[in-house]
Full PDB file with SEQRES, HELIX, SHEET, SSBOND, CRYST1, ORIGX, SCALE, CONECT and MASTER records, all heavy atoms in Angstrom:
SEQRES   1 A   44  LEU LEU PRO GLU LYS ILE TRP LYS GLU ALA LEU GLU GLU          
SEQRES   2 A   44  ALA GLY ASP ILE MET LYS PRO GLU THR GLU LEU MET ILE          
SEQRES   3 A   44  GLN GLY TYR ASP ARG GLU GLU GLU VAL LEU ARG MET ALA          
SEQRES   4 A   44  ARG ALA ASN ALA GLY                                          
HELIX    1 AA1 GLU A    4  ILE A   17  1                                  14    
HELIX    2 AA2 GLU A   33  ALA A   43  1                                  11    
CRYST1    1.000    1.000    1.000  90.00  90.00  90.00 P 1           1          
ORIGX1      1.000000  0.000000  0.000000        0.00000                         
ORIGX2      0.000000  1.000000  0.000000        0.00000                         
ORIGX3      0.000000  0.000000  1.000000        0.00000                         
SCALE1      1.000000  0.000000  0.000000        0.00000                         
SCALE2      0.000000  1.000000  0.000000        0.00000                         
SCALE3      0.000000  0.000000  1.000000        0.00000                         
ATOM      1  N   LEU A   1       0.798  -1.222   0.000  1.00  0.00           N  
ATOM      2  CA  LEU A   1       0.000   0.000   0.000  1.00  0.00           C  
ATOM      3  C   LEU A   1       0.830   1.271   0.000  1.00  0.00           C  
ATOM      4  O   LEU A   1       0.551   2.207  -0.752  1.00  0.00           O  
ATOM      5  CB  LEU A   1      -0.930  -0.009   1.225  1.00  0.00           C  
ATOM      6  CG  LEU A   1      -1.900   1.165   1.377  1.00  0.00           C  
ATOM      7  CD1 LEU A   1      -2.903   1.174   0.228  1.00  0.00           C  
ATOM      8  CD2 LEU A   1      -2.638   1.062   2.714  1.00  0.00           C  
ATOM      9  N   LEU A   2       1.894   1.302   0.814  1.00  0.00           N  
ATOM     10  CA  LEU A   2       2.664   2.533   0.992  1.00  0.00           C  
ATOM     11  C   LEU A   2       4.123   2.319   0.602  1.00  0.00           C  
ATOM     12  O   LEU A   2       4.817   1.505   1.208  1.00  0.00           O  
ATOM     13  CB  LEU A   2       2.597   2.988   2.453  1.00  0.00           C  
ATOM     14  CG  LEU A   2       1.196   3.258   3.009  1.00  0.00           C  
ATOM     15  CD1 LEU A   2       1.274   3.526   4.510  1.00  0.00           C  
ATOM     16  CD2 LEU A   2       0.535   4.421   2.293  1.00  0.00           C  
ATOM     17  N   PRO A   3       4.621   3.057  -0.386  1.00  0.00           N  
ATOM     18  CA  PRO A   3       6.023   2.896  -0.793  1.00  0.00           C  
ATOM     19  C   PRO A   3       6.984   3.344   0.309  1.00  0.00           C  
ATOM     20  O   PRO A   3       6.712   4.285   1.047  1.00  0.00           O  
ATOM     21  CB  PRO A   3       6.136   3.800  -2.025  1.00  0.00           C  
ATOM     22  CG  PRO A   3       4.985   4.727  -1.962  1.00  0.00           C  
ATOM     23  CD  PRO A   3       3.904   4.036  -1.220  1.00  0.00           C  
ATOM     24  N   GLU A   4       8.104   2.670   0.395  1.00  0.00           N  
ATOM     25  CA  GLU A   4       9.090   2.953   1.437  1.00  0.00           C  
ATOM     26  C   GLU A   4       9.615   4.386   1.363  1.00  0.00           C  
ATOM     27  O   GLU A   4       9.932   5.002   2.379  1.00  0.00           O  
ATOM     28  CB  GLU A   4      10.249   1.958   1.312  1.00  0.00           C  
ATOM     29  CG  GLU A   4      11.263   2.038   2.423  1.00  0.00           C  
ATOM     30  CD  GLU A   4      12.365   1.006   2.263  1.00  0.00           C  
ATOM     31  OE1 GLU A   4      12.375   0.298   1.233  1.00  0.00           O  
ATOM     32  OE2 GLU A   4      13.212   0.910   3.168  1.00  0.00           O  
ATOM     33  N   LYS A   5       9.673   4.928   0.171  1.00  0.00           N  
ATOM     34  CA  LYS A   5      10.295   6.250   0.001  1.00  0.00           C  
ATOM     35  C   LYS A   5       9.528   7.358   0.700  1.00  0.00           C  
ATOM     36  O   LYS A   5      10.109   8.382   1.074  1.00  0.00           O  
ATOM     37  CB  LYS A   5      10.461   6.574  -1.492  1.00  0.00           C  
ATOM     38  CG  LYS A   5       9.171   6.871  -2.226  1.00  0.00           C  
ATOM     39  CD  LYS A   5       9.455   7.355  -3.639  1.00  0.00           C  
ATOM     40  CE  LYS A   5       8.154   7.771  -4.344  1.00  0.00           C  
ATOM     41  NZ  LYS A   5       8.416   8.331  -5.680  1.00  0.00           N  
ATOM     42  N   ILE A   6       8.221   7.191   0.904  1.00  0.00           N  
ATOM     43  CA  ILE A   6       7.466   8.281   1.542  1.00  0.00           C  
ATOM     44  C   ILE A   6       7.905   8.460   2.997  1.00  0.00           C  
ATOM     45  O   ILE A   6       7.902   9.580   3.519  1.00  0.00           O  
ATOM     46  CB  ILE A   6       5.936   8.067   1.463  1.00  0.00           C  
ATOM     47  CG1 ILE A   6       5.485   6.882   2.319  1.00  0.00           C  
ATOM     48  CG2 ILE A   6       5.465   7.950   0.032  1.00  0.00           C  
ATOM     49  CD1 ILE A   6       3.979   6.773   2.467  1.00  0.00           C  
ATOM     50  N   TRP A   7       8.311   7.382   3.646  1.00  0.00           N  
ATOM     51  CA  TRP A   7       8.781   7.476   5.025  1.00  0.00           C  
ATOM     52  C   TRP A   7      10.169   8.110   5.065  1.00  0.00           C  
ATOM     53  O   TRP A   7      10.451   8.966   5.924  1.00  0.00           O  
ATOM     54  CB  TRP A   7       8.810   6.091   5.676  1.00  0.00           C  
ATOM     55  CG  TRP A   7       7.443   5.460   5.696  1.00  0.00           C  
ATOM     56  CD1 TRP A   7       6.930   4.569   4.792  1.00  0.00           C  
ATOM     57  CD2 TRP A   7       6.401   5.705   6.645  1.00  0.00           C  
ATOM     58  NE1 TRP A   7       5.629   4.253   5.127  1.00  0.00           N  
ATOM     59  CE2 TRP A   7       5.278   4.921   6.262  1.00  0.00           C  
ATOM     60  CE3 TRP A   7       6.303   6.499   7.792  1.00  0.00           C  
ATOM     61  CZ2 TRP A   7       4.083   4.927   6.983  1.00  0.00           C  
ATOM     62  CZ3 TRP A   7       5.121   6.497   8.509  1.00  0.00           C  
ATOM     63  CH2 TRP A   7       4.026   5.725   8.107  1.00  0.00           C  
ATOM     64  N   LYS A   8      11.031   7.717   4.137  1.00  0.00           N  
ATOM     65  CA  LYS A   8      12.375   8.304   4.086  1.00  0.00           C  
ATOM     66  C   LYS A   8      12.322   9.795   3.793  1.00  0.00           C  
ATOM     67  O   LYS A   8      13.006  10.604   4.408  1.00  0.00           O  
ATOM     68  CB  LYS A   8      13.209   7.590   3.013  1.00  0.00           C  
ATOM     69  CG  LYS A   8      13.597   6.160   3.389  1.00  0.00           C  
ATOM     70  CD  LYS A   8      14.453   5.531   2.301  1.00  0.00           C  
ATOM     71  CE  LYS A   8      14.887   4.120   2.699  1.00  0.00           C  
ATOM     72  NZ  LYS A   8      15.680   3.464   1.643  1.00  0.00           N  
ATOM     73  N   GLU A   9      11.462  10.166   2.847  1.00  0.00           N  
ATOM     74  CA  GLU A   9      11.341  11.581   2.471  1.00  0.00           C  
ATOM     75  C   GLU A   9      10.778  12.420   3.613  1.00  0.00           C  
ATOM     76  O   GLU A   9      11.212  13.554   3.843  1.00  0.00           O  
ATOM     77  CB  GLU A   9      10.468  11.717   1.225  1.00  0.00           C  
ATOM     78  CG  GLU A   9      11.159  11.217  -0.041  1.00  0.00           C  
ATOM     79  CD  GLU A   9      10.238  11.164  -1.244  1.00  0.00           C  
ATOM     80  OE1 GLU A   9       9.019  11.445  -1.079  1.00  0.00           O  
ATOM     81  OE2 GLU A   9      10.723  10.847  -2.344  1.00  0.00           O  
ATOM     82  N   ALA A  10       9.816  11.860   4.341  1.00  0.00           N  
ATOM     83  CA  ALA A  10       9.234  12.594   5.472  1.00  0.00           C  
ATOM     84  C   ALA A  10      10.263  12.804   6.577  1.00  0.00           C  
ATOM     85  O   ALA A  10      10.333  13.885   7.187  1.00  0.00           O  
ATOM     86  CB  ALA A  10       8.013  11.860   6.007  1.00  0.00           C  
ATOM     87  N   LEU A  11      11.081  11.789   6.840  1.00  0.00           N  
ATOM     88  CA  LEU A  11      12.126  11.923   7.861  1.00  0.00           C  
ATOM     89  C   LEU A  11      13.199  12.920   7.443  1.00  0.00           C  
ATOM     90  O   LEU A  11      13.713  13.687   8.262  1.00  0.00           O  
ATOM     91  CB  LEU A  11      12.754  10.559   8.152  1.00  0.00           C  
ATOM     92  CG  LEU A  11      11.938   9.621   9.042  1.00  0.00           C  
ATOM     93  CD1 LEU A  11      12.569   8.238   9.085  1.00  0.00           C  
ATOM     94  CD2 LEU A  11      11.805  10.183  10.454  1.00  0.00           C  
ATOM     95  N   GLU A  12      13.526  12.927   6.156  1.00  0.00           N  
ATOM     96  CA  GLU A  12      14.492  13.905   5.644  1.00  0.00           C  
ATOM     97  C   GLU A  12      13.941  15.322   5.798  1.00  0.00           C  
ATOM     98  O   GLU A  12      14.658  16.250   6.195  1.00  0.00           O  
ATOM     99  CB  GLU A  12      14.810  13.615   4.180  1.00  0.00           C  
ATOM    100  CG  GLU A  12      15.700  12.393   3.982  1.00  0.00           C  
ATOM    101  CD  GLU A  12      15.867  12.022   2.508  1.00  0.00           C  
ATOM    102  OE1 GLU A  12      15.380  12.793   1.647  1.00  0.00           O  
ATOM    103  OE2 GLU A  12      16.468  10.967   2.232  1.00  0.00           O  
ATOM    104  N   GLU A  13      12.663  15.480   5.488  1.00  0.00           N  
ATOM    105  CA  GLU A  13      12.006  16.779   5.642  1.00  0.00           C  
ATOM    106  C   GLU A  13      12.053  17.221   7.100  1.00  0.00           C  
ATOM    107  O   GLU A  13      12.335  18.385   7.404  1.00  0.00           O  
ATOM    108  CB  GLU A  13      10.555  16.680   5.158  1.00  0.00           C  
ATOM    109  CG  GLU A  13       9.777  17.984   5.259  1.00  0.00           C  
ATOM    110  CD  GLU A  13       8.307  17.820   4.903  1.00  0.00           C  
ATOM    111  OE1 GLU A  13       7.890  16.709   4.497  1.00  0.00           O  
ATOM    112  OE2 GLU A  13       7.554  18.812   5.048  1.00  0.00           O  
ATOM    113  N   ALA A  14      11.777  16.286   8.015  1.00  0.00           N  
ATOM    114  CA  ALA A  14      11.799  16.603   9.444  1.00  0.00           C  
ATOM    115  C   ALA A  14      13.194  17.049   9.881  1.00  0.00           C  
ATOM    116  O   ALA A  14      13.349  17.993  10.663  1.00  0.00           O  
ATOM    117  CB  ALA A  14      11.343  15.400  10.253  1.00  0.00           C  
ATOM    118  N   GLY A  15      14.212  16.360   9.373  1.00  0.00           N  
ATOM    119  CA  GLY A  15      15.582  16.727   9.713  1.00  0.00           C  
ATOM    120  C   GLY A  15      15.968  18.095   9.177  1.00  0.00           C  
ATOM    121  O   GLY A  15      16.677  18.864   9.843  1.00  0.00           O  
ATOM    122  N   ASP A  16      15.478  18.427   7.990  1.00  0.00           N  
ATOM    123  CA  ASP A  16      15.826  19.702   7.354  1.00  0.00           C  
ATOM    124  C   ASP A  16      15.253  20.912   8.080  1.00  0.00           C  
ATOM    125  O   ASP A  16      15.843  21.991   8.058  1.00  0.00           O  
ATOM    126  CB  ASP A  16      15.322  19.714   5.902  1.00  0.00           C  
ATOM    127  CG  ASP A  16      16.124  18.777   5.001  1.00  0.00           C  
ATOM    128  OD1 ASP A  16      17.234  18.368   5.405  1.00  0.00           O  
ATOM    129  OD2 ASP A  16      15.630  18.429   3.908  1.00  0.00           O  
ATOM    130  N   ILE A  17      14.076  20.759   8.704  1.00  0.00           N  
ATOM    131  CA  ILE A  17      13.430  21.935   9.309  1.00  0.00           C  
ATOM    132  C   ILE A  17      13.801  22.136  10.779  1.00  0.00           C  
ATOM    133  O   ILE A  17      13.447  23.156  11.369  1.00  0.00           O  
ATOM    134  CB  ILE A  17      11.893  21.870   9.181  1.00  0.00           C  
ATOM    135  CG1 ILE A  17      11.327  20.718  10.020  1.00  0.00           C  
ATOM    136  CG2 ILE A  17      11.461  21.770   7.737  1.00  0.00           C  
ATOM    137  CD1 ILE A  17       9.822  20.768  10.150  1.00  0.00           C  
ATOM    138  N   MET A  18      14.527  21.201  11.369  1.00  0.00           N  
ATOM    139  CA  MET A  18      14.908  21.338  12.779  1.00  0.00           C  
ATOM    140  C   MET A  18      15.775  22.577  12.998  1.00  0.00           C  
ATOM    141  O   MET A  18      16.573  22.951  12.147  1.00  0.00           O  
ATOM    142  CB  MET A  18      15.681  20.101  13.249  1.00  0.00           C  
ATOM    143  CG  MET A  18      14.820  18.903  13.557  1.00  0.00           C  
ATOM    144  SD  MET A  18      15.838  17.461  14.000  1.00  0.00           S  
ATOM    145  CE  MET A  18      16.709  18.085  15.443  1.00  0.00           C  
ATOM    146  N   LYS A  19      15.588  23.195  14.176  1.00  0.00           N  
ATOM    147  CA  LYS A  19      16.398  24.344  14.560  1.00  0.00           C  
ATOM    148  C   LYS A  19      17.032  24.067  15.927  1.00  0.00           C  
ATOM    149  O   LYS A  19      16.629  24.650  16.944  1.00  0.00           O  
ATOM    150  CB  LYS A  19      15.541  25.604  14.609  1.00  0.00           C  
ATOM    151  CG  LYS A  19      14.976  26.017  13.252  1.00  0.00           C  
ATOM    152  CD  LYS A  19      14.179  27.299  13.347  1.00  0.00           C  
ATOM    153  CE  LYS A  19      13.688  27.744  11.978  1.00  0.00           C  
ATOM    154  NZ  LYS A  19      12.886  28.990  12.064  1.00  0.00           N  
ATOM    155  N   PRO A  20      18.018  23.173  15.974  1.00  0.00           N  
ATOM    156  CA  PRO A  20      18.571  22.738  17.257  1.00  0.00           C  
ATOM    157  C   PRO A  20      19.311  23.827  18.025  1.00  0.00           C  
ATOM    158  O   PRO A  20      19.538  23.679  19.228  1.00  0.00           O  
ATOM    159  CB  PRO A  20      19.527  21.602  16.860  1.00  0.00           C  
ATOM    160  CG  PRO A  20      19.862  21.863  15.430  1.00  0.00           C  
ATOM    161  CD  PRO A  20      18.656  22.497  14.824  1.00  0.00           C  
ATOM    162  N   GLU A  21      19.684  24.911  17.355  1.00  0.00           N  
ATOM    163  CA  GLU A  21      20.445  25.964  18.028  1.00  0.00           C  
ATOM    164  C   GLU A  21      19.553  27.051  18.610  1.00  0.00           C  
ATOM    165  O   GLU A  21      20.060  28.004  19.220  1.00  0.00           O  
ATOM    166  CB  GLU A  21      21.439  26.599  17.036  1.00  0.00           C  
ATOM    167  CG  GLU A  21      22.424  25.622  16.401  1.00  0.00           C  
ATOM    168  CD  GLU A  21      23.185  24.817  17.448  1.00  0.00           C  
ATOM    169  OE1 GLU A  21      23.636  25.411  18.443  1.00  0.00           O  
ATOM    170  OE2 GLU A  21      23.303  23.587  17.276  1.00  0.00           O  
ATOM    171  N   THR A  22      18.247  26.956  18.425  1.00  0.00           N  
ATOM    172  CA  THR A  22      17.342  27.982  18.948  1.00  0.00           C  
ATOM    173  C   THR A  22      17.499  28.111  20.458  1.00  0.00           C  
ATOM    174  O   THR A  22      17.390  27.145  21.196  1.00  0.00           O  
ATOM    175  CB  THR A  22      15.871  27.632  18.629  1.00  0.00           C  
ATOM    176  OG1 THR A  22      15.708  27.589  17.215  1.00  0.00           O  
ATOM    177  CG2 THR A  22      14.912  28.666  19.206  1.00  0.00           C  
ATOM    178  N   GLU A  23      17.794  29.338  20.903  1.00  0.00           N  
ATOM    179  CA  GLU A  23      17.966  29.594  22.331  1.00  0.00           C  
ATOM    180  C   GLU A  23      16.594  29.618  22.996  1.00  0.00           C  
ATOM    181  O   GLU A  23      15.644  30.200  22.481  1.00  0.00           O  
ATOM    182  CB  GLU A  23      18.685  30.928  22.531  1.00  0.00           C  
ATOM    183  CG  GLU A  23      19.119  31.176  23.957  1.00  0.00           C  
ATOM    184  CD  GLU A  23      19.855  32.499  24.112  1.00  0.00           C  
ATOM    185  OE1 GLU A  23      20.176  33.129  23.088  1.00  0.00           O  
ATOM    186  OE2 GLU A  23      20.081  32.891  25.278  1.00  0.00           O  
ATOM    187  N   LEU A  24      16.490  28.970  24.164  1.00  0.00           N  
ATOM    188  CA  LEU A  24      15.197  28.845  24.822  1.00  0.00           C  
ATOM    189  C   LEU A  24      15.246  29.336  26.259  1.00  0.00           C  
ATOM    190  O   LEU A  24      16.291  29.300  26.913  1.00  0.00           O  
ATOM    191  CB  LEU A  24      14.749  27.373  24.816  1.00  0.00           C  
ATOM    192  CG  LEU A  24      14.621  26.685  23.463  1.00  0.00           C  
ATOM    193  CD1 LEU A  24      14.302  25.205  23.651  1.00  0.00           C  
ATOM    194  CD2 LEU A  24      13.530  27.344  22.624  1.00  0.00           C  
ATOM    195  N   MET A  25      14.085  29.793  26.737  1.00  0.00           N  
ATOM    196  CA  MET A  25      13.908  30.130  28.145  1.00  0.00           C  
ATOM    197  C   MET A  25      12.703  29.328  28.646  1.00  0.00           C  
ATOM    198  O   MET A  25      11.579  29.824  28.689  1.00  0.00           O  
ATOM    199  CB  MET A  25      13.661  31.625  28.315  1.00  0.00           C  
ATOM    200  CG  MET A  25      14.849  32.502  27.957  1.00  0.00           C  
ATOM    201  SD  MET A  25      14.536  34.243  28.361  1.00  0.00           S  
ATOM    202  CE  MET A  25      13.213  34.627  27.224  1.00  0.00           C  
ATOM    203  N   ILE A  26      12.944  28.073  28.967  1.00  0.00           N  
ATOM    204  CA  ILE A  26      11.881  27.186  29.418  1.00  0.00           C  
ATOM    205  C   ILE A  26      12.300  26.588  30.758  1.00  0.00           C  
ATOM    206  O   ILE A  26      13.411  26.075  30.895  1.00  0.00           O  
ATOM    207  CB  ILE A  26      11.603  26.064  28.406  1.00  0.00           C  
ATOM    208  CG1 ILE A  26      11.158  26.661  27.059  1.00  0.00           C  
ATOM    209  CG2 ILE A  26      10.548  25.097  28.931  1.00  0.00           C  
ATOM    210  CD1 ILE A  26      11.006  25.633  25.955  1.00  0.00           C  
ATOM    211  N   GLN A  27      11.396  26.677  31.739  1.00  0.00           N  
ATOM    212  CA  GLN A  27      11.705  26.201  33.081  1.00  0.00           C  
ATOM    213  C   GLN A  27      10.592  25.300  33.599  1.00  0.00           C  
ATOM    214  O   GLN A  27       9.418  25.505  33.283  1.00  0.00           O  
ATOM    215  CB  GLN A  27      11.881  27.385  34.041  1.00  0.00           C  
ATOM    216  CG  GLN A  27      12.999  28.340  33.633  1.00  0.00           C  
ATOM    217  CD  GLN A  27      13.050  29.586  34.498  1.00  0.00           C  
ATOM    218  OE1 GLN A  27      12.355  29.688  35.504  1.00  0.00           O  
ATOM    219  NE2 GLN A  27      13.882  30.544  34.098  1.00  0.00           N  
ATOM    220  N   GLY A  28      10.975  24.320  34.394  1.00  0.00           N  
ATOM    221  CA  GLY A  28      10.008  23.435  35.028  1.00  0.00           C  
ATOM    222  C   GLY A  28      10.306  23.319  36.511  1.00  0.00           C  
ATOM    223  O   GLY A  28      11.450  23.096  36.898  1.00  0.00           O  
ATOM    224  N   TYR A  29       9.264  23.512  37.340  1.00  0.00           N  
ATOM    225  CA  TYR A  29       9.426  23.385  38.778  1.00  0.00           C  
ATOM    226  C   TYR A  29       8.587  22.208  39.285  1.00  0.00           C  
ATOM    227  O   TYR A  29       7.545  21.884  38.733  1.00  0.00           O  
ATOM    228  CB  TYR A  29       8.921  24.627  39.536  1.00  0.00           C  
ATOM    229  CG  TYR A  29       9.465  25.948  39.084  1.00  0.00           C  
ATOM    230  CD1 TYR A  29       8.723  27.121  39.287  1.00  0.00           C  
ATOM    231  CD2 TYR A  29      10.716  26.067  38.477  1.00  0.00           C  
ATOM    232  CE1 TYR A  29       9.202  28.358  38.887  1.00  0.00           C  
ATOM    233  CE2 TYR A  29      11.199  27.307  38.077  1.00  0.00           C  
ATOM    234  CZ  TYR A  29      10.427  28.454  38.284  1.00  0.00           C  
ATOM    235  OH  TYR A  29      10.897  29.665  37.883  1.00  0.00           O  
ATOM    236  N   ASP A  30       9.038  21.615  40.368  1.00  0.00           N  
ATOM    237  CA  ASP A  30       8.226  20.661  41.104  1.00  0.00           C  
ATOM    238  C   ASP A  30       8.753  20.641  42.528  1.00  0.00           C  
ATOM    239  O   ASP A  30       9.908  21.024  42.779  1.00  0.00           O  
ATOM    240  CB  ASP A  30       8.288  19.257  40.498  1.00  0.00           C  
ATOM    241  CG  ASP A  30       7.079  18.413  40.896  1.00  0.00           C  
ATOM    242  OD1 ASP A  30       7.101  17.831  41.996  1.00  0.00           O  
ATOM    243  OD2 ASP A  30       6.109  18.346  40.125  1.00  0.00           O  
ATOM    244  N   ARG A  31       7.914  20.204  43.469  1.00  0.00           N  
ATOM    245  CA  ARG A  31       8.337  20.211  44.869  1.00  0.00           C  
ATOM    246  C   ARG A  31       9.057  18.932  45.262  1.00  0.00           C  
ATOM    247  O   ARG A  31       9.607  18.851  46.356  1.00  0.00           O  
ATOM    248  CB  ARG A  31       7.122  20.428  45.779  1.00  0.00           C  
ATOM    249  CG  ARG A  31       6.084  19.325  45.723  1.00  0.00           C  
ATOM    250  CD  ARG A  31       4.905  19.654  46.614  1.00  0.00           C  
ATOM    251  NE  ARG A  31       3.971  18.542  46.697  1.00  0.00           N  
ATOM    252  CZ  ARG A  31       2.895  18.538  47.473  1.00  0.00           C  
ATOM    253  NH1 ARG A  31       2.636  19.581  48.224  1.00  0.00           N  
ATOM    254  NH2 ARG A  31       2.097  17.502  47.488  1.00  0.00           N  
ATOM    255  N   GLU A  32       9.067  17.933  44.360  1.00  0.00           N  
ATOM    256  CA  GLU A  32       9.686  16.648  44.697  1.00  0.00           C  
ATOM    257  C   GLU A  32      10.916  16.405  43.821  1.00  0.00           C  
ATOM    258  O   GLU A  32      10.831  16.411  42.593  1.00  0.00           O  
ATOM    259  CB  GLU A  32       8.677  15.516  44.495  1.00  0.00           C  
ATOM    260  CG  GLU A  32       7.461  15.628  45.409  1.00  0.00           C  
ATOM    261  CD  GLU A  32       6.432  14.554  45.134  1.00  0.00           C  
ATOM    262  OE1 GLU A  32       6.813  13.504  44.571  1.00  0.00           O  
ATOM    263  OE2 GLU A  32       5.253  14.766  45.454  1.00  0.00           O  
ATOM    264  N   GLU A  33      12.037  16.170  44.468  1.00  0.00           N  
ATOM    265  CA  GLU A  33      13.300  15.981  43.750  1.00  0.00           C  
ATOM    266  C   GLU A  33      13.277  14.735  42.871  1.00  0.00           C  
ATOM    267  O   GLU A  33      13.829  14.726  41.768  1.00  0.00           O  
ATOM    268  CB  GLU A  33      14.458  15.908  44.743  1.00  0.00           C  
ATOM    269  CG  GLU A  33      15.831  15.931  44.078  1.00  0.00           C  
ATOM    270  CD  GLU A  33      16.063  17.164  43.212  1.00  0.00           C  
ATOM    271  OE1 GLU A  33      15.770  18.289  43.671  1.00  0.00           O  
ATOM    272  OE2 GLU A  33      16.535  17.004  42.067  1.00  0.00           O  
ATOM    273  N   GLU A  34      12.639  13.679  43.348  1.00  0.00           N  
ATOM    274  CA  GLU A  34      12.578  12.448  42.556  1.00  0.00           C  
ATOM    275  C   GLU A  34      11.821  12.662  41.252  1.00  0.00           C  
ATOM    276  O   GLU A  34      12.197  12.138  40.200  1.00  0.00           O  
ATOM    277  CB  GLU A  34      11.908  11.327  43.360  1.00  0.00           C  
ATOM    278  CG  GLU A  34      11.950   9.996  42.640  1.00  0.00           C  
ATOM    279  CD  GLU A  34      11.398   8.850  43.477  1.00  0.00           C  
ATOM    280  OE1 GLU A  34      11.282   8.996  44.710  1.00  0.00           O  
ATOM    281  OE2 GLU A  34      11.087   7.811  42.880  1.00  0.00           O  
ATOM    282  N   VAL A  35      10.746  13.446  41.305  1.00  0.00           N  
ATOM    283  CA  VAL A  35       9.971  13.763  40.105  1.00  0.00           C  
ATOM    284  C   VAL A  35      10.824  14.579  39.137  1.00  0.00           C  
ATOM    285  O   VAL A  35      10.800  14.365  37.924  1.00  0.00           O  
ATOM    286  CB  VAL A  35       8.680  14.528  40.481  1.00  0.00           C  
ATOM    287  CG1 VAL A  35       8.007  15.104  39.238  1.00  0.00           C  
ATOM    288  CG2 VAL A  35       7.714  13.603  41.213  1.00  0.00           C  
ATOM    289  N   LEU A  36      11.610  15.496  39.659  1.00  0.00           N  
ATOM    290  CA  LEU A  36      12.490  16.306  38.814  1.00  0.00           C  
ATOM    291  C   LEU A  36      13.563  15.454  38.141  1.00  0.00           C  
ATOM    292  O   LEU A  36      13.952  15.733  36.998  1.00  0.00           O  
ATOM    293  CB  LEU A  36      13.133  17.421  39.631  1.00  0.00           C  
ATOM    294  CG  LEU A  36      12.177  18.539  40.081  1.00  0.00           C  
ATOM    295  CD1 LEU A  36      12.850  19.441  41.104  1.00  0.00           C  
ATOM    296  CD2 LEU A  36      11.707  19.359  38.875  1.00  0.00           C  
ATOM    297  N   ARG A  37      14.021  14.423  38.835  1.00  0.00           N  
ATOM    298  CA  ARG A  37      14.990  13.512  38.209  1.00  0.00           C  
ATOM    299  C   ARG A  37      14.358  12.818  37.003  1.00  0.00           C  
ATOM    300  O   ARG A  37      15.019  12.624  35.977  1.00  0.00           O  
ATOM    301  CB  ARG A  37      15.481  12.479  39.231  1.00  0.00           C  
ATOM    302  CG  ARG A  37      16.537  13.011  40.186  1.00  0.00           C  
ATOM    303  CD  ARG A  37      17.289  11.884  40.877  1.00  0.00           C  
ATOM    304  NE  ARG A  37      16.450  11.190  41.833  1.00  0.00           N  
ATOM    305  CZ  ARG A  37      16.326  11.541  43.112  1.00  0.00           C  
ATOM    306  NH1 ARG A  37      17.011  12.568  43.581  1.00  0.00           N  
ATOM    307  NH2 ARG A  37      15.543  10.853  43.920  1.00  0.00           N  
ATOM    308  N   MET A  38      13.087  12.448  37.134  1.00  0.00           N  
ATOM    309  CA  MET A  38      12.367  11.861  35.997  1.00  0.00           C  
ATOM    310  C   MET A  38      12.285  12.863  34.845  1.00  0.00           C  
ATOM    311  O   MET A  38      12.508  12.509  33.687  1.00  0.00           O  
ATOM    312  CB  MET A  38      10.945  11.474  36.414  1.00  0.00           C  
ATOM    313  CG  MET A  38      10.841  10.353  37.415  1.00  0.00           C  
ATOM    314  SD  MET A  38       9.092  10.023  37.801  1.00  0.00           S  
ATOM    315  CE  MET A  38       9.261   8.870  39.158  1.00  0.00           C  
ATOM    316  N   ALA A  39      11.958  14.101  35.170  1.00  0.00           N  
ATOM    317  CA  ALA A  39      11.820  15.131  34.138  1.00  0.00           C  
ATOM    318  C   ALA A  39      13.140  15.341  33.399  1.00  0.00           C  
ATOM    319  O   ALA A  39      13.167  15.435  32.161  1.00  0.00           O  
ATOM    320  CB  ALA A  39      11.341  16.439  34.767  1.00  0.00           C  
ATOM    321  N   ARG A  40      14.221  15.411  34.162  1.00  0.00           N  
ATOM    322  CA  ARG A  40      15.531  15.610  33.526  1.00  0.00           C  
ATOM    323  C   ARG A  40      15.903  14.413  32.653  1.00  0.00           C  
ATOM    324  O   ARG A  40      16.456  14.584  31.558  1.00  0.00           O  
ATOM    325  CB  ARG A  40      16.601  15.828  34.603  1.00  0.00           C  
ATOM    326  CG  ARG A  40      16.430  17.134  35.377  1.00  0.00           C  
ATOM    327  CD  ARG A  40      17.596  17.384  36.318  1.00  0.00           C  
ATOM    328  NE  ARG A  40      17.330  18.550  37.163  1.00  0.00           N  
ATOM    329  CZ  ARG A  40      16.976  18.480  38.449  1.00  0.00           C  
ATOM    330  NH1 ARG A  40      16.855  17.299  39.048  1.00  0.00           N  
ATOM    331  NH2 ARG A  40      16.755  19.593  39.137  1.00  0.00           N  
ATOM    332  N   ALA A  41      15.585  13.213  33.121  1.00  0.00           N  
ATOM    333  CA  ALA A  41      15.882  12.007  32.334  1.00  0.00           C  
ATOM    334  C   ALA A  41      15.071  11.995  31.043  1.00  0.00           C  
ATOM    335  O   ALA A  41      15.598  11.671  29.968  1.00  0.00           O  
ATOM    336  CB  ALA A  41      15.585  10.758  33.154  1.00  0.00           C  
ATOM    337  N   ASN A  42      13.802  12.364  31.127  1.00  0.00           N  
ATOM    338  CA  ASN A  42      12.962  12.412  29.932  1.00  0.00           C  
ATOM    339  C   ASN A  42      13.463  13.461  28.943  1.00  0.00           C  
ATOM    340  O   ASN A  42      13.491  13.224  27.727  1.00  0.00           O  
ATOM    341  CB  ASN A  42      11.511  12.711  30.318  1.00  0.00           C  
ATOM    342  CG  ASN A  42      10.829  11.528  30.996  1.00  0.00           C  
ATOM    343  OD1 ASN A  42      11.238  10.381  30.809  1.00  0.00           O  
ATOM    344  ND2 ASN A  42       9.799  11.797  31.769  1.00  0.00           N  
ATOM    345  N   ALA A  43      13.863  14.620  29.463  1.00  0.00           N  
ATOM    346  CA  ALA A  43      14.407  15.671  28.589  1.00  0.00           C  
ATOM    347  C   ALA A  43      15.669  15.176  27.893  1.00  0.00           C  
ATOM    348  O   ALA A  43      15.897  15.460  26.709  1.00  0.00           O  
ATOM    349  CB  ALA A  43      14.692  16.931  29.401  1.00  0.00           C  
ATOM    350  N   GLY A  44      16.471  14.424  28.611  1.00  0.00           N  
ATOM    351  CA  GLY A  44      17.680  13.852  28.009  1.00  0.00           C  
ATOM    352  C   GLY A  44      17.350  12.895  26.886  1.00  0.00           C  
ATOM    353  O   GLY A  44      17.998  12.908  25.828  1.00  0.00           O  
TER     354      GLY A  44                                                      
MASTER        0    0    0    2    0    0    0    6  353    1    0    4          
END                                                                             
């Protein structure tokens, strides 16, 4: 049903539009240190 190339082309498109150097000001707070460890691991 679906040619393999459509997946490759979509992934290439996704890679081309990324802006990994964009500077961000995003912060997350929580009152529990263990929960924050999960958040940091997920971000990683």
